[in-house]
Amino acid sequence: MRTLVLGYGNRDRQDDGVAWHLLAEIRKRLGFKEPYLIDESFESQDSLIFVFQLQLMPEIAEEISPFDRICFLDAHTGSIPEEIHCENLSAVYQHSPLTHHLTASSLLSILQTIYHKTPEAILVSVRGKEFGYSPDLSSETAKLIPQAAQIVIDWISKEK
């Protein structure tokens, strides 16, 4: 079973980059080396891969096609009531009025259409409060990282 933990967001826009901080915390708890620079790659194992992207794009469908399980990490705002939201995803194309926005479910739909693959997938999103120009999280969002990391670690650890 190959598992991908794929975080995305803008690391330079405070809480929009929560996925990067969450990836770093998960890796720390699992005994991996933490990256020090924003553009430094995350060290991975063959069966467990960590990736951070600025945004989801159709082109990465090929890169994610070898995986059996994918955990997407992102920030969310007030439209989702929970501070930490976790949901099982299915391959469903979702139209977006924004021209540069692709949802995780839409990416899975592309993967299914082109590569005939439907990995088990979840989305873990953490509420963002501040989206200024800084690589640091707001204190409110930073407090959510330990709990969100545990949710992902539990998912990684569970058997299918």
N, C-alpha and C. Protein backbone atom coordinates (compact mmCIF):
# COMPACT_ATOMS: atom_id res chain seq x y z
N MET A 1 0.84 -1.19 0.00
CA MET A 1 0.00 0.00 0.00
C MET A 1 0.88 1.24 0.00
N ARG A 2 0.76 2.04 -1.04
CA ARG A 2 1.48 3.30 -1.11
C ARG A 2 0.55 4.43 -0.69
N THR A 3 1.03 5.25 0.22
CA THR A 3 0.24 6.35 0.78
C THR A 3 0.92 7.68 0.48
N LEU A 4 0.13 8.63 0.03
CA LEU A 4 0.60 9.99 -0.24
C LEU A 4 -0.11 10.94 0.71
N VAL A 5 0.67 11.80 1.37
CA VAL A 5 0.11 12.89 2.17
C VAL A 5 0.46 14.16 1.41
N LEU A 6 -0.56 14.79 0.84
CA LEU A 6 -0.38 15.91 -0.07
C LEU A 6 -0.99 17.18 0.52
N GLY A 7 -0.12 18.08 0.97
CA GLY A 7 -0.57 19.36 1.49
C GLY A 7 -0.48 20.42 0.41
N TYR A 8 -1.39 21.40 0.48
CA TYR A 8 -1.32 22.48 -0.49
C TYR A 8 -1.83 23.78 0.12
N GLY A 9 -1.30 24.87 -0.41
CA GLY A 9 -1.64 26.20 0.06
C GLY A 9 -0.47 27.14 -0.16
N ASN A 10 -0.65 28.38 0.17
CA ASN A 10 0.40 29.39 0.00
C ASN A 10 1.11 29.59 1.33
N ARG A 11 2.31 29.09 1.44
CA ARG A 11 3.11 29.13 2.67
C ARG A 11 3.42 30.55 3.12
N ASP A 12 3.37 31.51 2.20
CA ASP A 12 3.68 32.91 2.52
C ASP A 12 2.44 33.73 2.89
N ARG A 13 1.26 33.07 3.00
CA ARG A 13 0.03 33.78 3.34
C ARG A 13 -0.56 33.24 4.63
N GLN A 14 0.26 33.23 5.67
CA GLN A 14 -0.13 32.82 7.02
C GLN A 14 -0.88 31.50 7.03
N ASP A 15 -2.14 31.51 7.45
CA ASP A 15 -2.88 30.27 7.66
C ASP A 15 -3.20 29.51 6.37
N ASP A 16 -3.09 30.16 5.23
CA ASP A 16 -3.27 29.44 3.97
C ASP A 16 -2.18 28.37 3.81
N GLY A 17 -1.05 28.56 4.49
CA GLY A 17 0.04 27.59 4.45
C GLY A 17 -0.01 26.57 5.58
N VAL A 18 -1.15 26.40 6.23
CA VAL A 18 -1.25 25.48 7.36
C VAL A 18 -0.85 24.06 6.98
N ALA A 19 -1.08 23.66 5.75
CA ALA A 19 -0.74 22.29 5.33
C ALA A 19 0.76 22.04 5.44
N TRP A 20 1.58 23.05 5.14
CA TRP A 20 3.03 22.88 5.26
C TRP A 20 3.41 22.61 6.72
N HIS A 21 2.85 23.39 7.62
CA HIS A 21 3.13 23.22 9.05
C HIS A 21 2.60 21.88 9.55
N LEU A 22 1.46 21.48 9.04
CA LEU A 22 0.88 20.20 9.41
C LEU A 22 1.75 19.04 8.92
N LEU A 23 2.23 19.14 7.68
CA LEU A 23 3.16 18.12 7.16
C LEU A 23 4.41 18.02 8.04
N ALA A 24 4.95 19.17 8.42
CA ALA A 24 6.15 19.17 9.26
C ALA A 24 5.88 18.50 10.60
N GLU A 25 4.73 18.76 11.20
CA GLU A 25 4.38 18.16 12.50
C GLU A 25 4.16 16.65 12.38
N ILE A 26 3.48 16.22 11.35
CA ILE A 26 3.25 14.79 11.12
C ILE A 26 4.58 14.07 10.97
N ARG A 27 5.44 14.64 10.15
CA ARG A 27 6.76 14.02 9.89
C ARG A 27 7.59 13.97 11.17
N LYS A 28 7.55 15.02 11.96
CA LYS A 28 8.29 15.05 13.22
C LYS A 28 7.82 13.91 14.13
N ARG A 29 6.51 13.76 14.25
CA ARG A 29 5.96 12.70 15.10
C ARG A 29 6.29 11.30 14.58
N LEU A 30 6.46 11.17 13.27
CA LEU A 30 6.78 9.87 12.69
C LEU A 30 8.29 9.63 12.62
N GLY A 31 9.09 10.58 13.10
CA GLY A 31 10.53 10.39 13.16
C GLY A 31 11.31 10.79 11.92
N PHE A 32 10.68 11.56 11.03
CA PHE A 32 11.37 12.05 9.83
C PHE A 32 12.06 13.37 10.13
N LYS A 33 13.03 13.71 9.32
CA LYS A 33 13.71 15.00 9.41
C LYS A 33 12.74 16.10 9.00
N GLU A 34 12.76 17.20 9.73
CA GLU A 34 11.91 18.34 9.39
C GLU A 34 12.61 19.24 8.37
N PRO A 35 11.87 19.74 7.39
CA PRO A 35 12.49 20.70 6.46
C PRO A 35 12.67 22.05 7.15
N TYR A 36 13.70 22.76 6.77
CA TYR A 36 13.95 24.07 7.36
C TYR A 36 13.56 25.20 6.42
N LEU A 37 13.61 24.94 5.13
CA LEU A 37 13.30 25.96 4.14
C LEU A 37 11.97 25.65 3.48
N ILE A 38 11.29 26.68 3.04
CA ILE A 38 9.98 26.52 2.42
C ILE A 38 10.05 25.60 1.21
N ASP A 39 11.07 25.76 0.38
CA ASP A 39 11.14 24.98 -0.86
C ASP A 39 11.93 23.68 -0.71
N GLU A 40 12.33 23.34 0.50
CA GLU A 40 13.04 22.09 0.72
C GLU A 40 12.07 20.92 0.60
N SER A 41 12.50 19.87 -0.06
CA SER A 41 11.64 18.70 -0.24
C SER A 41 11.48 17.96 1.08
N PHE A 42 10.35 17.31 1.23
CA PHE A 42 10.10 16.47 2.38
C PHE A 42 10.68 15.10 2.11
N GLU A 43 11.53 14.61 3.02
CA GLU A 43 12.08 13.26 2.92
C GLU A 43 10.93 12.27 3.03
N SER A 44 11.00 11.19 2.27
CA SER A 44 9.92 10.22 2.25
C SER A 44 10.46 8.80 2.26
N GLN A 45 9.55 7.85 2.42
CA GLN A 45 9.85 6.44 2.28
C GLN A 45 9.15 5.97 1.02
N ASP A 46 9.46 4.75 0.60
CA ASP A 46 8.84 4.23 -0.62
C ASP A 46 7.32 4.09 -0.48
N SER A 47 6.84 3.66 0.68
CA SER A 47 5.41 3.42 0.85
C SER A 47 4.66 4.61 1.46
N LEU A 48 5.37 5.62 1.91
CA LEU A 48 4.76 6.80 2.52
C LEU A 48 5.48 8.05 2.01
N ILE A 49 4.77 8.83 1.20
CA ILE A 49 5.35 10.00 0.54
C ILE A 49 4.66 11.26 1.04
N PHE A 50 5.45 12.31 1.26
CA PHE A 50 4.95 13.61 1.70
C PHE A 50 5.28 14.64 0.62
N VAL A 51 4.27 15.43 0.22
CA VAL A 51 4.46 16.43 -0.82
C VAL A 51 3.71 17.70 -0.42
N PHE A 52 4.30 18.85 -0.74
CA PHE A 52 3.61 20.12 -0.55
C PHE A 52 3.59 20.85 -1.88
N GLN A 53 2.41 21.35 -2.26
CA GLN A 53 2.20 22.09 -3.52
C GLN A 53 1.53 23.43 -3.20
N LEU A 54 1.74 24.38 -4.08
CA LEU A 54 1.06 25.66 -3.94
C LEU A 54 -0.44 25.50 -4.15
N GLN A 55 -0.81 24.68 -5.13
CA GLN A 55 -2.22 24.43 -5.41
C GLN A 55 -2.36 23.10 -6.14
N LEU A 56 -3.56 22.58 -6.16
CA LEU A 56 -3.83 21.36 -6.92
C LEU A 56 -4.00 21.74 -8.38
N MET A 57 -3.40 20.94 -9.26
CA MET A 57 -3.48 21.19 -10.70
C MET A 57 -3.78 19.87 -11.40
N PRO A 58 -4.47 19.90 -12.53
CA PRO A 58 -4.78 18.66 -13.25
C PRO A 58 -3.54 17.84 -13.60
N GLU A 59 -2.44 18.52 -13.86
CA GLU A 59 -1.21 17.83 -14.28
C GLU A 59 -0.67 16.86 -13.22
N ILE A 60 -1.00 17.07 -11.95
CA ILE A 60 -0.44 16.17 -10.93
C ILE A 60 -1.19 14.85 -10.84
N ALA A 61 -2.26 14.68 -11.63
CA ALA A 61 -2.98 13.40 -11.65
C ALA A 61 -2.02 12.26 -11.99
N GLU A 62 -1.11 12.49 -12.92
CA GLU A 62 -0.14 11.45 -13.29
C GLU A 62 0.77 11.12 -12.11
N GLU A 63 1.21 12.14 -11.36
CA GLU A 63 2.11 11.93 -10.24
C GLU A 63 1.45 11.18 -9.09
N ILE A 64 0.15 11.37 -8.91
CA ILE A 64 -0.53 10.71 -7.80
C ILE A 64 -1.12 9.35 -8.19
N SER A 65 -1.07 9.02 -9.47
CA SER A 65 -1.69 7.78 -9.94
C SER A 65 -1.13 6.49 -9.32
N PRO A 66 0.14 6.41 -8.90
CA PRO A 66 0.63 5.16 -8.32
C PRO A 66 0.16 4.89 -6.88
N PHE A 67 -0.54 5.83 -6.25
CA PHE A 67 -0.86 5.70 -4.84
C PHE A 67 -2.20 4.99 -4.60
N ASP A 68 -2.23 4.20 -3.53
CA ASP A 68 -3.44 3.48 -3.11
C ASP A 68 -4.29 4.32 -2.17
N ARG A 69 -3.62 5.23 -1.46
CA ARG A 69 -4.29 6.08 -0.46
C ARG A 69 -3.70 7.48 -0.56
N ILE A 70 -4.59 8.48 -0.45
CA ILE A 70 -4.13 9.87 -0.50
C ILE A 70 -4.84 10.66 0.59
N CYS A 71 -4.06 11.39 1.36
CA CYS A 71 -4.59 12.31 2.36
C CYS A 71 -4.25 13.72 1.89
N PHE A 72 -5.28 14.50 1.59
CA PHE A 72 -5.11 15.89 1.18
C PHE A 72 -5.19 16.77 2.43
N LEU A 73 -4.31 17.77 2.51
CA LEU A 73 -4.28 18.71 3.63
C LEU A 73 -4.45 20.13 3.11
N ASP A 74 -5.33 20.90 3.75
CA ASP A 74 -5.58 22.25 3.29
C ASP A 74 -6.13 23.09 4.44
N ALA A 75 -6.27 24.38 4.18
CA ALA A 75 -6.92 25.31 5.11
C ALA A 75 -8.37 25.49 4.68
N HIS A 76 -9.22 25.87 5.63
CA HIS A 76 -10.57 26.27 5.28
C HIS A 76 -10.94 27.52 6.08
N THR A 77 -12.03 28.16 5.66
CA THR A 77 -12.47 29.38 6.33
C THR A 77 -13.82 29.13 6.99
N GLY A 78 -14.55 30.16 7.29
CA GLY A 78 -15.79 30.06 8.04
C GLY A 78 -16.91 29.30 7.38
N SER A 79 -16.78 28.93 6.11
CA SER A 79 -17.85 28.20 5.45
C SER A 79 -17.98 26.77 5.96
N ILE A 80 -16.98 26.27 6.66
CA ILE A 80 -17.01 24.95 7.28
C ILE A 80 -17.04 25.18 8.78
N PRO A 81 -18.03 24.62 9.49
CA PRO A 81 -18.20 24.95 10.91
C PRO A 81 -17.11 24.40 11.84
N GLU A 82 -16.53 23.25 11.54
CA GLU A 82 -15.56 22.64 12.45
C GLU A 82 -14.20 23.34 12.35
N GLU A 83 -13.49 23.34 13.46
CA GLU A 83 -12.13 23.88 13.46
C GLU A 83 -11.21 22.97 12.64
N ILE A 84 -11.40 21.67 12.79
CA ILE A 84 -10.67 20.68 11.99
C ILE A 84 -11.72 19.81 11.33
N HIS A 85 -11.68 19.78 10.02
CA HIS A 85 -12.68 19.04 9.25
C HIS A 85 -12.00 17.87 8.56
N CYS A 86 -12.60 16.69 8.68
CA CYS A 86 -12.07 15.50 8.02
C CYS A 86 -13.22 14.84 7.26
N GLU A 87 -12.98 14.56 5.99
CA GLU A 87 -14.03 13.90 5.21
C GLU A 87 -13.43 12.91 4.23
N ASN A 88 -14.18 11.83 4.01
CA ASN A 88 -13.81 10.87 2.98
C ASN A 88 -14.17 11.49 1.64
N LEU A 89 -13.30 11.32 0.66
CA LEU A 89 -13.53 11.92 -0.65
C LEU A 89 -13.89 10.86 -1.68
N SER A 90 -14.66 11.28 -2.66
CA SER A 90 -14.95 10.43 -3.80
C SER A 90 -14.57 11.22 -5.06
N ALA A 91 -14.45 10.51 -6.15
CA ALA A 91 -14.05 11.11 -7.42
C ALA A 91 -15.27 11.77 -8.06
N VAL A 92 -15.45 13.06 -7.81
CA VAL A 92 -16.58 13.80 -8.34
C VAL A 92 -16.06 15.14 -8.84
N TYR A 93 -16.28 15.41 -10.13
CA TYR A 93 -15.85 16.70 -10.65
C TYR A 93 -16.76 17.79 -10.09
N GLN A 94 -16.13 18.84 -9.56
CA GLN A 94 -16.87 19.96 -8.99
C GLN A 94 -16.51 21.23 -9.74
N HIS A 95 -17.50 21.82 -10.36
CA HIS A 95 -17.28 23.08 -11.08
C HIS A 95 -16.96 24.19 -10.09
N SER A 96 -15.98 25.00 -10.42
CA SER A 96 -15.62 26.13 -9.56
C SER A 96 -15.71 27.42 -10.35
N PRO A 97 -16.29 28.46 -9.77
CA PRO A 97 -16.34 29.75 -10.45
C PRO A 97 -14.96 30.42 -10.51
N LEU A 98 -14.03 29.93 -9.71
CA LEU A 98 -12.68 30.49 -9.71
C LEU A 98 -11.86 29.78 -10.78
N THR A 99 -11.12 30.51 -11.57
CA THR A 99 -10.41 29.91 -12.69
C THR A 99 -9.20 29.09 -12.26
N HIS A 100 -8.63 29.38 -11.11
CA HIS A 100 -7.43 28.67 -10.67
C HIS A 100 -7.72 27.84 -9.43
N HIS A 101 -8.85 27.15 -9.42
CA HIS A 101 -9.20 26.39 -8.24
C HIS A 101 -9.65 24.99 -8.65
N LEU A 102 -8.97 23.99 -8.13
CA LEU A 102 -9.31 22.60 -8.38
C LEU A 102 -9.46 21.92 -7.03
N THR A 103 -10.59 21.28 -6.79
CA THR A 103 -10.79 20.60 -5.52
C THR A 103 -10.12 19.23 -5.55
N ALA A 104 -9.92 18.68 -4.36
CA ALA A 104 -9.34 17.34 -4.26
C ALA A 104 -10.25 16.32 -4.94
N SER A 105 -11.56 16.44 -4.77
CA SER A 105 -12.50 15.52 -5.42
C SER A 105 -12.43 15.62 -6.94
N SER A 106 -12.25 16.83 -7.46
CA SER A 106 -12.12 17.00 -8.91
C SER A 106 -10.81 16.38 -9.41
N LEU A 107 -9.74 16.53 -8.64
CA LEU A 107 -8.48 15.90 -9.02
C LEU A 107 -8.63 14.37 -9.04
N LEU A 108 -9.34 13.83 -8.07
CA LEU A 108 -9.60 12.39 -8.05
C LEU A 108 -10.43 11.97 -9.25
N SER A 109 -11.36 12.82 -9.68
CA SER A 109 -12.17 12.54 -10.86
C SER A 109 -11.31 12.48 -12.11
N ILE A 110 -10.37 13.39 -12.22
CA ILE A 110 -9.43 13.38 -13.35
C ILE A 110 -8.60 12.10 -13.32
N LEU A 111 -8.13 11.75 -12.14
CA LEU A 111 -7.34 10.52 -11.96
C LEU A 111 -8.15 9.29 -12.39
N GLN A 112 -9.39 9.24 -12.00
CA GLN A 112 -10.25 8.11 -12.35
C GLN A 112 -10.51 8.06 -13.85
N THR A 113 -10.76 9.20 -14.46
CA THR A 113 -11.07 9.26 -15.88
C THR A 113 -9.88 8.87 -16.75
N ILE A 114 -8.71 9.39 -16.43
CA ILE A 114 -7.53 9.16 -17.27
C ILE A 114 -6.82 7.85 -16.94
N TYR A 115 -6.66 7.56 -15.66
CA TYR A 115 -5.84 6.41 -15.24
C TYR A 115 -6.66 5.25 -14.69
N HIS A 116 -7.99 5.40 -14.62
CA HIS A 116 -8.88 4.34 -14.12
C HIS A 116 -8.47 3.87 -12.73
N LYS A 117 -8.09 4.83 -11.91
CA LYS A 117 -7.68 4.55 -10.53
C LYS A 117 -8.54 5.37 -9.58
N THR A 118 -8.93 4.73 -8.49
CA THR A 118 -9.72 5.40 -7.47
C THR A 118 -9.13 5.07 -6.10
N PRO A 119 -8.13 5.83 -5.68
CA PRO A 119 -7.52 5.54 -4.37
C PRO A 119 -8.46 5.93 -3.22
N GLU A 120 -8.27 5.29 -2.09
CA GLU A 120 -8.94 5.74 -0.87
C GLU A 120 -8.40 7.15 -0.60
N ALA A 121 -9.29 8.09 -0.29
CA ALA A 121 -8.82 9.47 -0.11
C ALA A 121 -9.63 10.18 0.97
N ILE A 122 -8.91 11.02 1.72
CA ILE A 122 -9.55 11.90 2.70
C ILE A 122 -9.00 13.31 2.53
N LEU A 123 -9.77 14.25 3.04
CA LEU A 123 -9.33 15.64 3.13
C LEU A 123 -9.38 16.03 4.59
N VAL A 124 -8.26 16.53 5.10
CA VAL A 124 -8.20 17.09 6.44
C VAL A 124 -7.92 18.58 6.26
N SER A 125 -8.86 19.39 6.69
CA SER A 125 -8.65 20.84 6.57
C SER A 125 -8.73 21.49 7.94
N VAL A 126 -7.93 22.53 8.10
CA VAL A 126 -7.81 23.24 9.37
C VAL A 126 -8.27 24.67 9.16
N ARG A 127 -9.06 25.18 10.11
CA ARG A 127 -9.58 26.54 9.97
C ARG A 127 -8.45 27.56 9.99
N GLY A 128 -8.45 28.41 8.99
CA GLY A 128 -7.54 29.53 8.93
C GLY A 128 -8.22 30.78 9.44
N LYS A 129 -7.49 31.60 10.16
CA LYS A 129 -8.05 32.84 10.72
C LYS A 129 -7.44 34.08 10.08
N GLU A 130 -6.14 34.01 9.76
CA GLU A 130 -5.45 35.18 9.23
C GLU A 130 -4.71 34.80 7.95
N PHE A 131 -4.80 35.67 6.94
CA PHE A 131 -4.22 35.37 5.64
C PHE A 131 -3.36 36.54 5.13
N GLY A 132 -2.59 37.12 6.06
CA GLY A 132 -1.70 38.21 5.70
C GLY A 132 -0.44 37.68 5.03
N TYR A 133 0.53 38.55 4.84
CA TYR A 133 1.78 38.18 4.18
C TYR A 133 2.82 37.82 5.23
N SER A 134 2.85 36.54 5.59
CA SER A 134 3.79 36.03 6.58
C SER A 134 3.86 34.52 6.46
N PRO A 135 5.04 33.93 6.70
CA PRO A 135 5.13 32.46 6.71
C PRO A 135 4.68 31.84 8.03
N ASP A 136 4.32 32.68 9.01
CA ASP A 136 3.93 32.18 10.33
C ASP A 136 2.42 32.05 10.45
N LEU A 137 1.98 30.99 11.11
CA LEU A 137 0.56 30.79 11.34
C LEU A 137 0.04 31.74 12.42
N SER A 138 -1.25 32.03 12.37
CA SER A 138 -1.87 32.75 13.48
C SER A 138 -1.82 31.84 14.70
N SER A 139 -1.87 32.42 15.88
CA SER A 139 -1.80 31.60 17.10
C SER A 139 -3.00 30.66 17.21
N GLU A 140 -4.18 31.10 16.75
CA GLU A 140 -5.37 30.25 16.82
C GLU A 140 -5.24 29.01 15.93
N THR A 141 -4.74 29.19 14.74
CA THR A 141 -4.58 28.06 13.81
C THR A 141 -3.43 27.16 14.25
N ALA A 142 -2.36 27.75 14.74
CA ALA A 142 -1.21 26.95 15.22
C ALA A 142 -1.62 25.99 16.33
N LYS A 143 -2.58 26.39 17.17
CA LYS A 143 -3.04 25.53 18.27
C LYS A 143 -3.77 24.29 17.77
N LEU A 144 -4.24 24.31 16.53
CA LEU A 144 -4.99 23.19 15.97
C LEU A 144 -4.08 22.12 15.34
N ILE A 145 -2.82 22.46 15.12
CA ILE A 145 -1.89 21.56 14.43
C ILE A 145 -1.74 20.20 15.14
N PRO A 146 -1.52 20.14 16.46
CA PRO A 146 -1.35 18.83 17.10
C PRO A 146 -2.53 17.88 16.90
N GLN A 147 -3.74 18.39 17.06
CA GLN A 147 -4.93 17.55 16.90
C GLN A 147 -5.08 17.09 15.44
N ALA A 148 -4.88 18.00 14.51
CA ALA A 148 -4.99 17.64 13.09
C ALA A 148 -3.93 16.61 12.71
N ALA A 149 -2.71 16.79 13.23
CA ALA A 149 -1.63 15.83 12.94
C ALA A 149 -2.00 14.44 13.44
N GLN A 150 -2.62 14.36 14.61
CA GLN A 150 -3.00 13.06 15.15
C GLN A 150 -4.07 12.38 14.29
N ILE A 151 -4.99 13.16 13.76
CA ILE A 151 -6.02 12.62 12.87
C ILE A 151 -5.36 11.97 11.65
N VAL A 152 -4.39 12.66 11.07
CA VAL A 152 -3.70 12.13 9.88
C VAL A 152 -2.87 10.90 10.24
N ILE A 153 -2.16 10.95 11.35
CA ILE A 153 -1.34 9.80 11.77
C ILE A 153 -2.22 8.58 12.02
N ASP A 154 -3.36 8.79 12.65
CA ASP A 154 -4.29 7.67 12.87
C ASP A 154 -4.77 7.10 11.54
N TRP A 155 -5.05 7.95 10.57
CA TRP A 155 -5.48 7.49 9.25
C TRP A 155 -4.36 6.72 8.55
N ILE A 156 -3.13 7.24 8.62
CA ILE A 156 -1.99 6.56 8.00
C ILE A 156 -1.83 5.17 8.61
N SER A 157 -2.02 5.09 9.91
CA SER A 157 -1.77 3.84 10.65
C SER A 157 -2.86 2.79 10.48
N LYS A 158 -4.05 3.21 10.10
CA LYS A 158 -5.14 2.23 10.04
C LYS A 158 -4.97 1.32 8.83
N GLU A 159 -5.40 0.11 9.00
CA GLU A 159 -5.35 -0.85 7.89
C GLU A 159 -6.60 -0.71 7.07
N LYS A 160 -6.45 -0.92 5.80
CA LYS A 160 -7.59 -0.82 4.90
C LYS A 160 -8.46 -2.04 5.02
